[in-house]
Each structure stands twice: as structure tokens, then as C-alpha cells.
Amino acid sequence: MASAMIEEAASPSKLALIRRFLRASGLQAMIDSGSHLDNLGMPGGPSYGFLTEGLPEMTYGESFSAPNAALREAYAPYRGEWQDEYEGHLNWEFTEPELEQIVTFLESAAGQHYLEAGGRMKAYIGTITEHLVEEIVTQAREILARRLAK
């Protein structure tokens, strides 16, 4: 199914649905906290080296908490931009009747179970298939090496 591609601003009732969607889906908590940046500041994360290079050595615990605390502090002035982008995209993506159906589901016990179960399922499957990911990476490296050797 394609997006609704709605260009006009959301009506007050649609904006209220968008905000309910953000709360029910957990996206509002992510926007408020800046937790979507957490992977950047984790050891091994894409920005960890840049964040910590040349700084005083941190304890093991600090190496996990301090970069993300700094990222969240730096994010705070930009939080409103994330809010606006999510609200605008949800307005563009979904019609008001679609949002009503989605929000009704997400706010229901079944919808909340679905959201909670999704996180658990992702974590469980990630753990159970870890050995397969290692094998896939190993095979991909072999494939890449063969292709580059030609």
C-alpha cells in the first residue's frame, strides 16, 4: 500500500490523532529522550570513536553512559525538529481514518501487547540467530574477496 502523500497541514483532529499515535507507539518517548541516538555513542557504535578520541580515559561504566549522556544533552535543542518531522511525516503518510484505526489498535491491550512482543521477539531472534549472522558475515567476506580478486 502506498502512502497517502497528503500535502496540506493536519487538521486539529488529525494532529490530535498523530500525537496519540506517537504516544501509543512509543515514538514520543524516543523523541522526548533522544534515545534514537543511543547506538551512536555505544562502544563500537558508528560515532563512538569520534566522540571519545583524544578525551581522558573513561571507566568501563562511563564508556557506556557518558557519550550517550552528551549526545542527549546536545540533542535537546533539536528535539522540536524531530517532533515536527514525525508529525509532518505521519500527516503525509496516513489519512485521518487510517490513523483512527491504527491508534485505536495501538491503544488497545492487543496493540500494546503487539508493541511489547515485537521488542522481545527481535531480541530473542537476534540472540538465537547470532551464529547465523556470524556465518553470513564470514561468507559475505569470502564472496567479496572473490569478486574483488577478479
Protein backbone atom coordinates (compact mmCIF):
# COMPACT_ATOMS: atom_id res chain seq x y z
CA MET A 1 0.00 0.00 0.00
CA ALA A 2 1.35 3.43 -0.93
CA SER A 3 1.44 6.44 1.33
CA ALA A 4 -1.45 8.88 1.21
CA MET A 5 1.01 11.70 0.25
CA ILE A 6 -1.10 14.38 1.94
CA GLU A 7 0.46 17.80 1.41
CA GLU A 8 -1.96 20.04 3.37
CA ALA A 9 -1.44 20.72 7.06
CA ALA A 10 -3.13 18.41 9.53
CA SER A 11 -6.48 19.47 10.90
CA PRO A 12 -6.68 19.85 14.70
CA SER A 13 -8.43 16.47 14.98
CA LYS A 14 -5.82 14.76 12.79
CA LEU A 15 -2.97 16.39 14.74
CA ALA A 16 -4.52 15.05 17.94
CA LEU A 17 -4.56 11.55 16.37
CA ILE A 18 -0.94 11.94 15.24
CA ARG A 19 0.08 12.83 18.79
CA ARG A 20 -1.89 9.89 20.20
CA PHE A 21 -0.14 7.65 17.66
CA LEU A 22 3.27 8.93 18.76
CA ARG A 23 2.46 8.28 22.44
CA ALA A 24 0.87 4.86 21.89
CA SER A 25 3.63 3.65 19.58
CA GLY A 26 6.43 4.70 21.93
CA LEU A 27 7.84 7.12 19.38
CA GLN A 28 7.03 10.12 21.59
CA ALA A 29 9.19 8.74 24.40
CA MET A 30 12.02 8.26 21.90
CA ILE A 31 11.62 11.83 20.59
CA ASP A 32 11.46 13.25 24.11
CA SER A 33 14.51 11.36 25.39
CA GLY A 34 16.70 11.31 22.28
CA SER A 35 17.15 7.55 22.71
CA HIS A 36 17.28 7.12 18.92
CA LEU A 37 20.85 8.42 19.16
CA ASP A 38 21.98 5.81 21.69
CA ASN A 39 23.61 3.50 19.16
CA LEU A 40 25.91 6.34 18.08
CA GLY A 41 27.55 6.63 21.48
CA MET A 42 27.88 2.98 22.39
CA PRO A 43 31.35 1.41 22.30
CA GLY A 44 31.67 0.08 18.77
CA GLY A 45 28.90 2.39 17.58
CA PRO A 46 29.31 4.47 14.44
CA SER A 47 30.28 7.70 16.23
CA TYR A 48 31.91 6.37 19.39
CA GLY A 49 35.47 6.91 18.20
CA PHE A 50 34.74 10.43 17.04
CA LEU A 51 33.01 11.26 20.32
CA THR A 52 35.77 9.92 22.55
CA GLU A 53 39.01 10.30 20.58
CA GLY A 54 41.57 12.37 22.43
CA LEU A 55 39.47 12.65 25.59
CA PRO A 56 40.59 11.46 29.02
CA GLU A 57 40.20 7.73 29.59
CA MET A 58 36.82 6.69 30.96
CA THR A 59 35.91 3.89 33.31
CA TYR A 60 34.13 0.92 31.80
CA GLY A 61 30.77 2.20 33.02
CA GLU A 62 31.45 5.73 31.81
CA SER A 63 32.33 4.42 28.36
CA PHE A 64 28.72 3.26 28.05
CA SER A 65 26.94 6.15 29.76
CA ALA A 66 28.96 9.33 29.24
CA PRO A 67 28.89 9.54 25.40
CA ASN A 68 25.13 8.96 25.31
CA ALA A 69 24.55 11.50 28.08
CA ALA A 70 26.49 14.04 26.00
CA LEU A 71 24.54 13.12 22.86
CA ARG A 72 21.23 13.60 24.65
CA GLU A 73 22.33 16.95 26.02
CA ALA A 74 23.42 18.06 22.54
CA TYR A 75 20.14 16.74 21.09
CA ALA A 76 17.90 18.77 23.42
CA PRO A 77 17.87 21.97 21.32
CA TYR A 78 16.93 19.93 18.22
CA ARG A 79 14.16 17.88 19.84
CA GLY A 80 11.44 20.10 18.37
CA GLU A 81 12.70 19.44 14.87
CA TRP A 82 12.28 15.69 15.41
CA GLN A 83 8.77 16.32 16.73
CA ASP A 84 7.86 18.41 13.69
CA GLU A 85 9.35 15.89 11.25
CA TYR A 86 7.50 12.94 12.78
CA GLU A 87 4.21 14.84 12.93
CA GLY A 88 4.64 16.06 9.37
CA HIS A 89 5.53 12.64 8.03
CA LEU A 90 2.64 10.93 9.79
CA ASN A 91 0.31 13.59 8.35
CA TRP A 92 1.76 12.97 4.88
CA GLU A 93 1.74 9.18 5.22
CA PHE A 94 -1.70 8.41 6.67
CA THR A 95 -5.23 9.63 6.19
CA GLU A 96 -7.24 10.58 9.26
CA PRO A 97 -9.42 7.44 9.05
CA GLU A 98 -6.28 5.28 8.80
CA LEU A 99 -4.78 6.99 11.84
CA GLU A 100 -8.02 6.45 13.77
CA GLN A 101 -7.84 2.70 13.05
CA ILE A 102 -4.13 2.46 13.87
CA VAL A 103 -4.40 4.49 17.07
CA THR A 104 -7.43 2.51 18.23
CA PHE A 105 -5.40 -0.68 17.78
CA LEU A 106 -2.21 0.68 19.37
CA GLU A 107 -4.08 1.97 22.40
CA SER A 108 -5.84 -1.37 22.91
CA ALA A 109 -4.47 -4.15 25.10
CA ALA A 110 -3.74 -6.20 21.96
CA GLY A 111 -1.92 -3.27 20.36
CA GLN A 112 0.24 -2.69 23.43
CA HIS A 113 0.99 -6.43 23.58
CA TYR A 114 1.95 -6.33 19.91
CA LEU A 115 4.42 -3.47 20.54
CA GLU A 116 5.91 -5.13 23.63
CA ALA A 117 6.12 -8.53 21.96
CA GLY A 118 7.84 -7.04 18.92
CA GLY A 119 10.78 -5.87 21.00
CA ARG A 120 11.05 -9.19 22.81
CA MET A 121 10.78 -11.11 19.55
CA LYS A 122 13.51 -9.03 17.92
CA ALA A 123 15.83 -9.55 20.90
CA TYR A 124 15.08 -13.29 21.08
CA ILE A 125 15.51 -13.89 17.36
CA GLY A 126 18.69 -11.78 17.37
CA THR A 127 20.18 -13.94 20.12
CA ILE A 128 19.07 -17.24 18.62
CA THR A 129 20.38 -16.38 15.15
CA GLU A 130 23.64 -14.76 16.23
CA HIS A 131 25.66 -17.73 14.99
CA LEU A 132 23.92 -17.48 11.61
CA VAL A 133 24.81 -13.79 11.32
CA GLU A 134 28.46 -14.66 12.01
CA GLU A 135 28.31 -17.31 9.28
CA ILE A 136 26.64 -14.92 6.84
CA VAL A 137 29.28 -12.23 7.50
CA THR A 138 32.06 -14.80 7.01
CA GLN A 139 30.53 -15.99 3.74
CA ALA A 140 29.93 -12.44 2.56
CA ARG A 141 33.58 -11.62 3.21
CA GLU A 142 34.61 -14.65 1.12
CA ILE A 143 32.25 -13.60 -1.68
CA LEU A 144 33.55 -10.04 -1.57
CA ALA A 145 37.15 -11.22 -1.64
CA ARG A 146 36.45 -13.41 -4.70
CA ARG A 147 34.72 -10.56 -6.53
CA LEU A 148 37.48 -8.09 -5.79
CA ALA A 149 40.18 -10.59 -6.83
CA LYS A 150 38.79 -10.75 -10.38
